[in-house]
Amino acid sequence: MRYGIIAVIVFLMTTPDVTPQTQRLQGANGWLLPVTGNVLSSDEAMHLRRGSVNAWDLTVPNGSRVWPMADGIVQYAGCNNAGGYGCWVLVDHADGYSSVYAHLMLGSIQVQRGQQITQGTVLGGVGWTGKTSFGPHLNFEIRHTSGRQRIDRYFNVGQMNKCDFCEATGRPANSVTVTGPHQQQHIAVQQPGLTLSADFIRLWILAGLIWAAIVTYVIGLNDGLLWFSFGNGSFLALIVVILTSGVWLPRLVPEMPIAAQETAQIAQSAPIQSTDAWQIAYAAMRHWEGSKCVHDPSRTFRGITQNTFDSWRRSQGQPTGDVCTISEQEAEQIYYQNYWVRSGANRMPRSIAITHFDFAVNAGVGRAAKAFSQCRTNVRCYNNYRENFYRSLNSFSLYGAGWLNRLASIRSLTEGKG
């Protein structure tokens, strides 16, 4: 009888709450929604009103599996918290499309950079990492080389159940196990007095011991006193309860969000740059881009053309306007999105990222990609490639001196530095 009670308790602790599953909603181009659920807790309009970008927040239980909307290649998978995303995955698809899956559960990412994936590949689990407004959910974005896209152009919002900032309850039937070679084992949760490396583990063990004591007492095993009496089975009960604490404890201790300033190094993910890489690269580039509104040959201000400004404004769901009214903040956002991220500079070591970004702005993302494919992280090779490229152009006699001066400033920042 005694062991029967123990078995019932263990069964109750290890049996997950089953929530009804739905099929992944199908959208345009054969794409599929990244989760099995249709609760839309924040749409594009809500994101834009709070100063964010075109995105959907999809609410499903913590730990639910996340799949890509389409086949593609993983461009980033890790927890560098760029943009407040916490743990996130960026997937490159065909025809200039890409997609973002953010706020994933710590340690749940199952893919790595450069991996070819399908719609059925599990990316990770829904979590609550990064800078978020409410509980566990998936931040889902669709991008194109022309800018961020409205998701309701591709998925029927009428099929979604809108529930502003609501949180899912229960545990998913299709959860992700937080194990494997891509576990983010070096990340510490930046909350006062609580880290995964020490305090969280101690809390986990303490909670298991307390729970074991309660169970031992309730089922009357020698009134909870003889914990290590092998003869009556109390020691066995203690061991079983502690071993199963990994199943029930997450229900009591929710995953804590990663602080916004998180820049931890992630094992087997893209290299993390020093925090000043973008600021140095941007300042170096802006020194050489005009601060006056000109027609060169198109209307241009701060190095941004009218067409580029219009495309970016549309991607943000905003009306077009005169590029000569662009603010420095808007210009920085465009350079960051269209050149720093799009060129892949955000995933490179600092020195190569600085010259790669500058060359992408100066000669185009495609030409910068060719330079990187030839030289990789050899920054001197890269800068020599740039010089040879400039000298090969017919317009070198007119603009060559300016190009070489620009390159000389980049050499002083990058060569001989990490």
Protein backbone atom coordinates (compact mmCIF):
# COMPACT_ATOMS: atom_id res chain seq x y z
CA MET A 1 0.00 0.00 0.00
CA ARG A 2 2.78 2.33 0.98
CA TYR A 3 4.63 1.86 -2.34
CA GLY A 4 1.35 2.23 -4.22
CA ILE A 5 0.92 5.71 -2.74
CA ILE A 6 4.48 6.59 -3.71
CA ALA A 7 3.83 5.42 -7.30
CA VAL A 8 0.67 7.54 -7.53
CA ILE A 9 2.51 10.65 -6.28
CA VAL A 10 5.40 10.12 -8.72
CA PHE A 11 2.91 9.62 -11.59
CA LEU A 12 1.13 12.86 -10.75
CA MET A 13 4.40 14.77 -10.61
CA THR A 14 5.74 13.45 -13.93
CA THR A 15 2.54 13.61 -16.00
CA PRO A 16 2.44 16.90 -17.95
CA ASP A 17 -0.66 19.03 -18.30
CA VAL A 18 -2.04 18.21 -21.72
CA THR A 19 -3.28 21.19 -23.70
CA PRO A 20 -5.20 20.77 -26.98
CA GLN A 21 -2.93 21.00 -29.99
CA THR A 22 -3.77 22.61 -33.30
CA GLN A 23 -2.11 22.23 -36.66
CA ARG A 24 0.38 24.89 -37.67
CA LEU A 25 -1.52 27.57 -39.55
CA GLN A 26 -0.62 27.66 -43.25
CA GLY A 27 0.03 30.97 -44.95
CA ALA A 28 1.18 32.24 -48.32
CA ASN A 29 3.99 30.56 -50.27
CA GLY A 30 3.36 27.31 -48.39
CA TRP A 31 4.76 28.86 -45.21
CA LEU A 32 3.67 27.55 -41.80
CA LEU A 33 3.21 29.40 -38.52
CA PRO A 34 6.19 28.55 -36.27
CA VAL A 35 4.10 27.18 -33.37
CA THR A 36 1.08 24.91 -32.94
CA GLY A 37 -1.32 27.47 -31.64
CA ASN A 38 -3.22 30.54 -32.83
CA VAL A 39 -3.14 32.95 -29.89
CA LEU A 40 -1.93 36.35 -31.11
CA SER A 41 -1.07 38.41 -28.06
CA SER A 42 0.49 41.41 -29.87
CA ASP A 43 0.21 42.28 -33.57
CA GLU A 44 2.07 44.72 -35.82
CA ALA A 45 0.00 47.74 -34.78
CA MET A 46 0.65 47.13 -31.08
CA HIS A 47 4.37 46.68 -31.70
CA LEU A 48 4.65 49.91 -33.68
CA ARG A 49 2.70 51.90 -31.08
CA ARG A 50 5.25 50.98 -28.44
CA GLY A 51 8.17 51.87 -30.71
CA SER A 52 8.99 48.35 -31.86
CA VAL A 53 8.96 46.78 -35.35
CA ASN A 54 6.56 44.75 -37.46
CA ALA A 55 6.21 41.50 -35.54
CA TRP A 56 3.74 39.08 -34.00
CA ASP A 57 3.86 37.83 -30.43
CA LEU A 58 2.52 34.26 -30.37
CA THR A 59 1.54 33.01 -26.93
CA VAL A 60 1.90 29.29 -26.23
CA PRO A 61 2.96 27.43 -23.08
CA ASN A 62 6.55 27.83 -21.92
CA GLY A 63 8.84 25.31 -23.62
CA SER A 64 6.62 24.68 -26.66
CA ARG A 65 8.48 23.73 -29.81
CA VAL A 66 9.31 26.37 -32.40
CA TRP A 67 9.81 25.49 -36.07
CA PRO A 68 10.87 27.69 -39.03
CA MET A 69 8.14 29.01 -41.31
CA ALA A 70 9.98 27.59 -44.35
CA ASP A 71 13.11 25.72 -45.38
CA GLY A 72 16.31 27.71 -45.14
CA ILE A 73 19.77 28.18 -43.66
CA VAL A 74 20.41 29.27 -40.08
CA GLN A 75 22.19 32.65 -40.05
CA TYR A 76 22.31 33.06 -36.27
CA ALA A 77 21.42 30.86 -33.31
CA GLY A 78 22.34 31.95 -29.81
CA CYS A 79 21.71 34.29 -26.90
CA ASN A 80 23.61 37.53 -27.54
CA ASN A 81 20.40 39.48 -26.74
CA ALA A 82 20.80 41.72 -29.81
CA GLY A 83 17.78 43.97 -30.04
CA GLY A 84 16.56 42.65 -26.68
CA TYR A 85 15.79 39.29 -28.31
CA GLY A 86 17.47 37.21 -25.59
CA CYS A 87 17.92 33.76 -27.10
CA TRP A 88 16.92 33.82 -30.76
CA VAL A 89 17.32 32.29 -34.22
CA LEU A 90 17.59 34.01 -37.63
CA VAL A 91 16.81 31.88 -40.70
CA ASP A 92 17.57 32.86 -44.31
CA HIS A 93 15.00 31.67 -46.86
CA ALA A 94 14.70 31.89 -50.63
CA ASP A 95 13.97 35.03 -52.70
CA GLY A 96 15.46 37.46 -50.19
CA TYR A 97 13.23 36.46 -47.27
CA SER A 98 14.37 35.73 -43.73
CA SER A 99 12.62 35.20 -40.40
CA VAL A 100 13.30 35.79 -36.71
CA TYR A 101 12.28 33.66 -33.71
CA ALA A 102 13.04 35.46 -30.44
CA HIS A 103 12.75 35.15 -26.64
CA LEU A 104 13.47 31.41 -26.79
CA MET A 105 13.96 29.39 -23.61
CA LEU A 106 17.46 29.45 -22.18
CA GLY A 107 19.38 26.37 -23.34
CA SER A 108 16.66 25.16 -25.74
CA ILE A 109 18.21 26.07 -29.11
CA GLN A 110 18.64 22.96 -31.25
CA VAL A 111 20.31 24.38 -34.39
CA GLN A 112 23.54 26.15 -35.23
CA ARG A 113 24.77 28.73 -37.70
CA GLY A 114 25.13 27.48 -41.29
CA GLN A 115 22.80 24.51 -40.78
CA GLN A 116 20.40 23.65 -43.60
CA ILE A 117 16.94 23.18 -42.10
CA THR A 118 13.39 22.32 -43.16
CA GLN A 119 9.95 23.36 -41.96
CA GLY A 120 10.02 20.35 -39.64
CA THR A 121 13.31 21.18 -37.92
CA VAL A 122 12.89 22.16 -34.27
CA LEU A 123 14.65 25.48 -33.64
CA GLY A 124 14.10 25.64 -29.88
CA GLY A 125 11.47 26.22 -27.23
CA VAL A 126 9.25 29.18 -26.38
CA GLY A 127 10.67 31.12 -23.45
CA TRP A 128 10.92 34.48 -21.78
CA THR A 129 14.47 35.71 -22.39
CA GLY A 130 15.58 39.18 -23.38
CA LYS A 131 13.64 42.42 -23.09
CA THR A 132 9.95 41.46 -23.09
CA SER A 133 6.67 43.07 -22.06
CA PHE A 134 4.98 39.99 -20.59
CA GLY A 135 5.30 36.24 -20.03
CA PRO A 136 6.49 33.37 -22.26
CA HIS A 137 5.79 33.94 -25.95
CA LEU A 138 7.47 33.86 -29.36
CA ASN A 139 8.42 37.08 -31.11
CA PHE A 140 8.03 36.23 -34.81
CA GLU A 141 9.22 38.46 -37.66
CA ILE A 142 9.36 38.15 -41.44
CA ARG A 143 11.99 40.18 -43.26
CA HIS A 144 12.91 40.84 -46.85
CA THR A 145 15.95 42.51 -48.33
CA SER A 146 13.66 45.53 -48.80
CA GLY A 147 12.88 45.62 -45.05
CA ARG A 148 10.65 44.08 -42.37
CA GLN A 149 7.33 42.76 -43.63
CA ARG A 150 3.81 42.86 -42.20
CA ILE A 151 3.05 39.30 -41.20
CA ASP A 152 -0.67 39.72 -41.96
CA ARG A 153 0.31 39.91 -45.63
CA TYR A 154 1.32 36.26 -45.43
CA PHE A 155 -0.81 34.78 -42.63
CA ASN A 156 -4.55 35.32 -42.23
CA VAL A 157 -5.00 37.30 -39.02
CA GLY A 158 -8.68 36.33 -39.10
CA GLN A 159 -7.64 32.79 -38.18
CA MET A 160 -5.82 34.02 -35.08
CA ASN A 161 -7.35 34.35 -31.62
CA LYS A 162 -6.37 37.85 -30.48
CA CYS A 163 -5.76 38.19 -26.75
CA ASP A 164 -3.74 41.28 -25.82
CA PHE A 165 -0.67 40.42 -23.69
CA CYS A 166 -2.30 37.25 -22.39
CA GLU A 167 -0.25 34.38 -21.01
CA ALA A 168 -0.69 30.67 -21.74
CA THR A 169 -1.26 28.26 -18.89
CA GLY A 170 -0.36 24.60 -18.52
CA ARG A 171 2.54 22.70 -20.01
CA PRO A 172 2.91 21.87 -23.72
CA ALA A 173 2.50 18.35 -25.06
CA ASN A 174 5.26 19.09 -27.61
CA SER A 175 7.89 20.56 -25.32
CA VAL A 176 11.60 20.89 -26.01
CA THR A 177 14.18 19.20 -23.79
CA VAL A 178 16.87 21.63 -22.67
CA THR A 179 19.91 19.49 -23.45
CA GLY A 180 22.36 18.86 -26.27
CA PRO A 181 25.45 20.45 -27.78
CA HIS A 182 23.84 23.88 -28.12
CA GLN A 183 22.94 24.35 -24.49
CA GLN A 184 23.79 27.92 -23.51
CA GLN A 185 25.77 26.84 -20.49
CA HIS A 186 27.75 30.07 -20.04
CA ILE A 187 24.80 32.43 -19.65
CA ALA A 188 23.99 33.72 -16.18
CA VAL A 189 20.53 35.13 -15.51
CA GLN A 190 21.18 38.70 -14.41
CA GLN A 191 18.74 38.95 -11.51
CA PRO A 192 19.77 39.97 -7.97
CA GLY A 193 20.91 36.93 -6.02
CA LEU A 194 19.95 34.37 -8.67
CA THR A 195 22.23 32.79 -11.29
CA LEU A 196 22.12 29.48 -13.11
CA SER A 197 25.70 28.73 -12.22
CA ALA A 198 25.24 28.63 -8.43
CA ASP A 199 22.22 30.08 -6.65
CA PHE A 200 19.66 28.63 -9.03
CA ILE A 201 21.11 25.14 -8.66
CA ARG A 202 21.15 25.48 -4.87
CA LEU A 203 17.52 26.64 -4.96
CA TRP A 204 16.64 23.65 -7.15
CA ILE A 205 18.21 21.17 -4.70
CA LEU A 206 16.73 22.87 -1.64
CA ALA A 207 13.23 22.84 -3.14
CA GLY A 208 13.63 19.15 -3.94
CA LEU A 209 14.67 18.36 -0.38
CA ILE A 210 11.80 20.35 1.10
CA TRP A 211 9.33 18.64 -1.21
CA ALA A 212 10.78 15.26 -0.30
CA ALA A 213 10.37 16.02 3.39
CA ILE A 214 6.74 17.02 2.88
CA VAL A 215 5.95 13.87 0.88
CA THR A 216 7.76 11.67 3.37
CA TYR A 217 5.78 13.15 6.24
CA VAL A 218 2.38 13.14 4.49
CA ILE A 219 2.47 9.46 3.52
CA GLY A 220 3.41 8.59 7.07
CA LEU A 221 6.78 6.95 6.61
CA ASN A 222 7.79 6.81 10.28
CA ASP A 223 6.24 10.27 10.73
CA GLY A 224 8.90 11.76 8.47
CA LEU A 225 11.72 11.12 10.94
CA LEU A 226 13.66 8.09 9.71
CA TRP A 227 14.62 9.46 6.30
CA PHE A 228 17.41 6.99 5.70
CA SER A 229 15.70 3.82 6.92
CA PHE A 230 16.19 1.42 4.03
CA GLY A 231 13.79 -1.09 5.57
CA ASN A 232 10.62 0.96 5.29
CA GLY A 233 11.28 2.57 1.91
CA SER A 234 11.54 6.21 3.02
CA PHE A 235 15.05 6.53 1.57
CA LEU A 236 13.75 5.21 -1.77
CA ALA A 237 10.93 7.76 -1.68
CA LEU A 238 13.42 10.56 -1.02
CA ILE A 239 15.60 9.58 -4.00
CA VAL A 240 12.63 9.20 -6.38
CA VAL A 241 11.17 12.59 -5.45
CA ILE A 242 14.51 14.42 -5.86
CA LEU A 243 15.16 12.78 -9.23
CA THR A 244 11.72 13.81 -10.50
CA SER A 245 12.04 17.38 -9.21
CA GLY A 246 13.35 18.42 -12.63
CA VAL A 247 9.83 17.83 -13.99
CA TRP A 248 7.69 19.64 -11.41
CA LEU A 249 10.04 22.37 -10.18
CA PRO A 250 9.87 24.44 -13.41
CA ARG A 251 6.14 24.84 -12.71
CA LEU A 252 7.01 26.64 -9.46
CA VAL A 253 10.16 28.52 -10.56
CA PRO A 254 9.55 30.29 -13.91
CA GLU A 255 12.34 31.01 -16.35
CA MET A 256 13.81 34.43 -15.58
CA PRO A 257 14.39 36.97 -18.36
CA ILE A 258 17.96 37.76 -19.41
CA ALA A 259 18.88 41.36 -18.66
CA ALA A 260 18.87 43.77 -21.59
CA GLN A 261 22.62 44.39 -21.35
CA GLU A 262 23.47 40.66 -21.65
CA THR A 263 26.49 40.02 -23.92
CA ALA A 264 27.60 36.56 -22.76
CA GLN A 265 29.73 34.29 -24.94
CA ILE A 266 27.71 31.33 -26.27
CA ALA A 267 29.31 27.94 -26.90
CA GLN A 268 29.26 26.81 -30.56
CA SER A 269 27.40 29.89 -31.78
CA ALA A 270 28.49 32.89 -33.82
CA PRO A 271 31.31 34.86 -32.18
CA ILE A 272 30.22 37.70 -29.95
CA GLN A 273 31.95 41.02 -30.59
CA SER A 274 33.09 43.49 -28.04
CA THR A 275 30.24 45.83 -27.24
CA ASP A 276 31.85 48.84 -28.96
CA ALA A 277 32.25 47.21 -32.39
CA TRP A 278 29.10 48.74 -33.88
CA GLN A 279 29.77 52.20 -32.41
CA ILE A 280 33.35 52.25 -33.77
CA ALA A 281 32.29 50.99 -37.19
CA TYR A 282 29.41 53.43 -37.46
CA ALA A 283 31.45 56.45 -36.38
CA ALA A 284 34.25 55.56 -38.83
CA MET A 285 31.81 55.18 -41.72
CA ARG A 286 29.77 58.32 -40.95
CA HIS A 287 32.93 60.43 -41.09
CA TRP A 288 33.04 59.74 -44.81
CA GLU A 289 29.34 60.00 -45.63
CA GLY A 290 27.92 63.45 -46.40
CA SER A 291 26.10 65.56 -43.84
CA LYS A 292 24.49 67.81 -46.46
CA CYS A 293 21.45 67.14 -48.64
CA VAL A 294 22.72 66.62 -52.20
CA HIS A 295 21.73 65.09 -55.55
CA ASP A 296 24.52 62.59 -56.18
CA PRO A 297 22.94 61.54 -58.58
CA SER A 298 19.78 60.90 -56.50
CA ARG A 299 18.57 62.93 -53.55
CA THR A 300 20.82 61.89 -50.64
CA PHE A 301 21.35 62.92 -47.02
CA ARG A 302 23.64 61.36 -44.40
CA GLY A 303 24.62 58.88 -47.10
CA ILE A 304 21.01 57.61 -47.40
CA THR A 305 19.30 57.90 -50.78
CA GLN A 306 15.65 58.82 -51.22
CA ASN A 307 14.75 55.30 -52.46
CA THR A 308 16.45 53.64 -49.50
CA PHE A 309 14.71 55.98 -47.05
CA ASP A 310 11.29 55.35 -48.66
CA SER A 311 11.79 51.55 -48.55
CA TRP A 312 12.80 51.67 -44.91
CA ARG A 313 9.84 53.86 -43.93
CA ARG A 314 7.43 51.47 -45.66
CA SER A 315 9.00 48.49 -43.89
CA GLN A 316 8.28 50.24 -40.58
CA GLY A 317 4.64 50.82 -41.56
CA GLN A 318 5.23 54.55 -41.88
CA PRO A 319 4.50 56.97 -44.75
CA THR A 320 7.35 58.01 -47.02
CA GLY A 321 8.96 61.42 -46.64
CA ASP A 322 11.78 63.66 -47.80
CA VAL A 323 15.13 61.99 -47.10
CA CYS A 324 16.60 65.40 -46.29
CA THR A 325 14.49 65.41 -43.12
CA ILE A 326 15.99 62.12 -41.89
CA SER A 327 17.29 62.21 -38.32
CA GLU A 328 20.63 60.81 -37.23
CA GLN A 329 18.76 58.16 -35.24
CA GLU A 330 16.81 57.06 -38.32
CA ALA A 331 20.00 56.98 -40.39
CA GLU A 332 21.71 54.83 -37.78
CA GLN A 333 18.81 52.37 -37.78
CA ILE A 334 18.97 52.09 -41.57
CA TYR A 335 22.72 51.53 -41.60
CA TYR A 336 22.40 48.97 -38.83
CA GLN A 337 19.63 47.03 -40.54
CA ASN A 338 20.61 47.35 -44.22
CA TYR A 339 24.37 47.05 -43.90
CA TRP A 340 25.61 45.94 -40.46
CA VAL A 341 23.15 43.05 -40.06
CA ARG A 342 22.42 42.33 -43.71
CA SER A 343 26.13 42.04 -44.56
CA GLY A 344 26.75 39.75 -41.59
CA ALA A 345 29.16 42.18 -39.92
CA ASN A 346 27.28 41.67 -36.64
CA ARG A 347 28.55 38.06 -36.56
CA MET A 348 32.21 38.82 -37.28
CA PRO A 349 35.22 39.57 -35.06
CA ARG A 350 35.59 43.29 -34.40
CA SER A 351 38.36 44.29 -36.85
CA ILE A 352 36.97 42.44 -39.84
CA ALA A 353 33.46 43.66 -38.97
CA ILE A 354 34.56 47.31 -39.09
CA THR A 355 36.14 47.14 -42.55
CA HIS A 356 33.45 44.78 -43.88
CA PHE A 357 30.65 47.12 -42.81
CA ASP A 358 32.41 50.18 -44.24
CA PHE A 359 33.01 48.40 -47.55
CA ALA A 360 29.39 47.23 -47.69
CA VAL A 361 28.26 50.84 -47.38
CA ASN A 362 30.88 52.11 -49.83
CA ALA A 363 30.68 49.42 -52.52
CA GLY A 364 27.56 47.38 -51.75
CA VAL A 365 26.74 44.32 -49.67
CA GLY A 366 27.36 41.99 -52.64
CA ARG A 367 30.88 43.28 -53.27
CA ALA A 368 31.66 43.09 -49.53
CA ALA A 369 30.50 39.46 -49.52
CA LYS A 370 32.99 38.67 -52.30
CA ALA A 371 35.81 40.29 -50.34
CA PHE A 372 34.94 38.29 -47.23
CA SER A 373 34.65 35.01 -49.16
CA GLN A 374 38.21 35.54 -50.44
CA CYS A 375 39.87 36.78 -47.24
CA ARG A 376 37.60 35.56 -44.43
CA THR A 377 38.92 37.02 -41.14
CA ASN A 378 42.33 38.11 -42.50
CA VAL A 379 41.82 41.84 -42.13
CA ARG A 380 44.99 42.85 -44.00
CA CYS A 381 43.94 40.70 -46.95
CA TYR A 382 40.50 42.30 -46.83
CA ASN A 383 41.86 45.85 -46.85
CA ASN A 384 44.23 44.97 -49.71
CA TYR A 385 41.26 43.58 -51.61
CA ARG A 386 39.50 46.92 -51.14
CA GLU A 387 42.48 48.87 -52.47
CA ASN A 388 42.83 46.63 -55.54
CA PHE A 389 39.11 46.94 -56.18
CA TYR A 390 39.23 50.74 -56.08
CA ARG A 391 42.23 50.88 -58.40
CA SER A 392 40.46 48.64 -60.92
CA LEU A 393 37.58 51.09 -61.38
CA ASN A 394 37.48 53.48 -64.32
CA SER A 395 36.47 56.29 -61.98
CA PHE A 396 39.57 55.85 -59.80
CA SER A 397 41.24 58.89 -61.38
CA LEU A 398 38.36 61.04 -60.11
CA TYR A 399 37.55 59.52 -56.74
CA GLY A 400 40.56 57.36 -55.97
CA ALA A 401 42.24 59.77 -53.55
CA GLY A 402 39.11 59.95 -51.39
CA TRP A 403 38.65 56.18 -51.43
CA LEU A 404 42.26 55.55 -50.39
CA ASN A 405 42.05 58.14 -47.61
CA ARG A 406 38.93 56.40 -46.35
CA LEU A 407 40.67 53.03 -46.50
CA ALA A 408 43.71 54.44 -44.69
CA SER A 409 41.51 55.46 -41.77
CA ILE A 410 40.01 51.97 -41.67
CA ARG A 411 43.47 50.37 -41.75
CA SER A 412 44.48 52.41 -38.70
CA LEU A 413 41.46 51.04 -36.83
CA THR A 414 41.68 47.40 -37.87
CA GLU A 415 45.12 46.13 -38.81
CA GLY A 416 47.04 44.61 -35.97
CA LYS A 417 43.98 44.62 -33.67
CA GLY A 418 41.65 41.82 -32.57
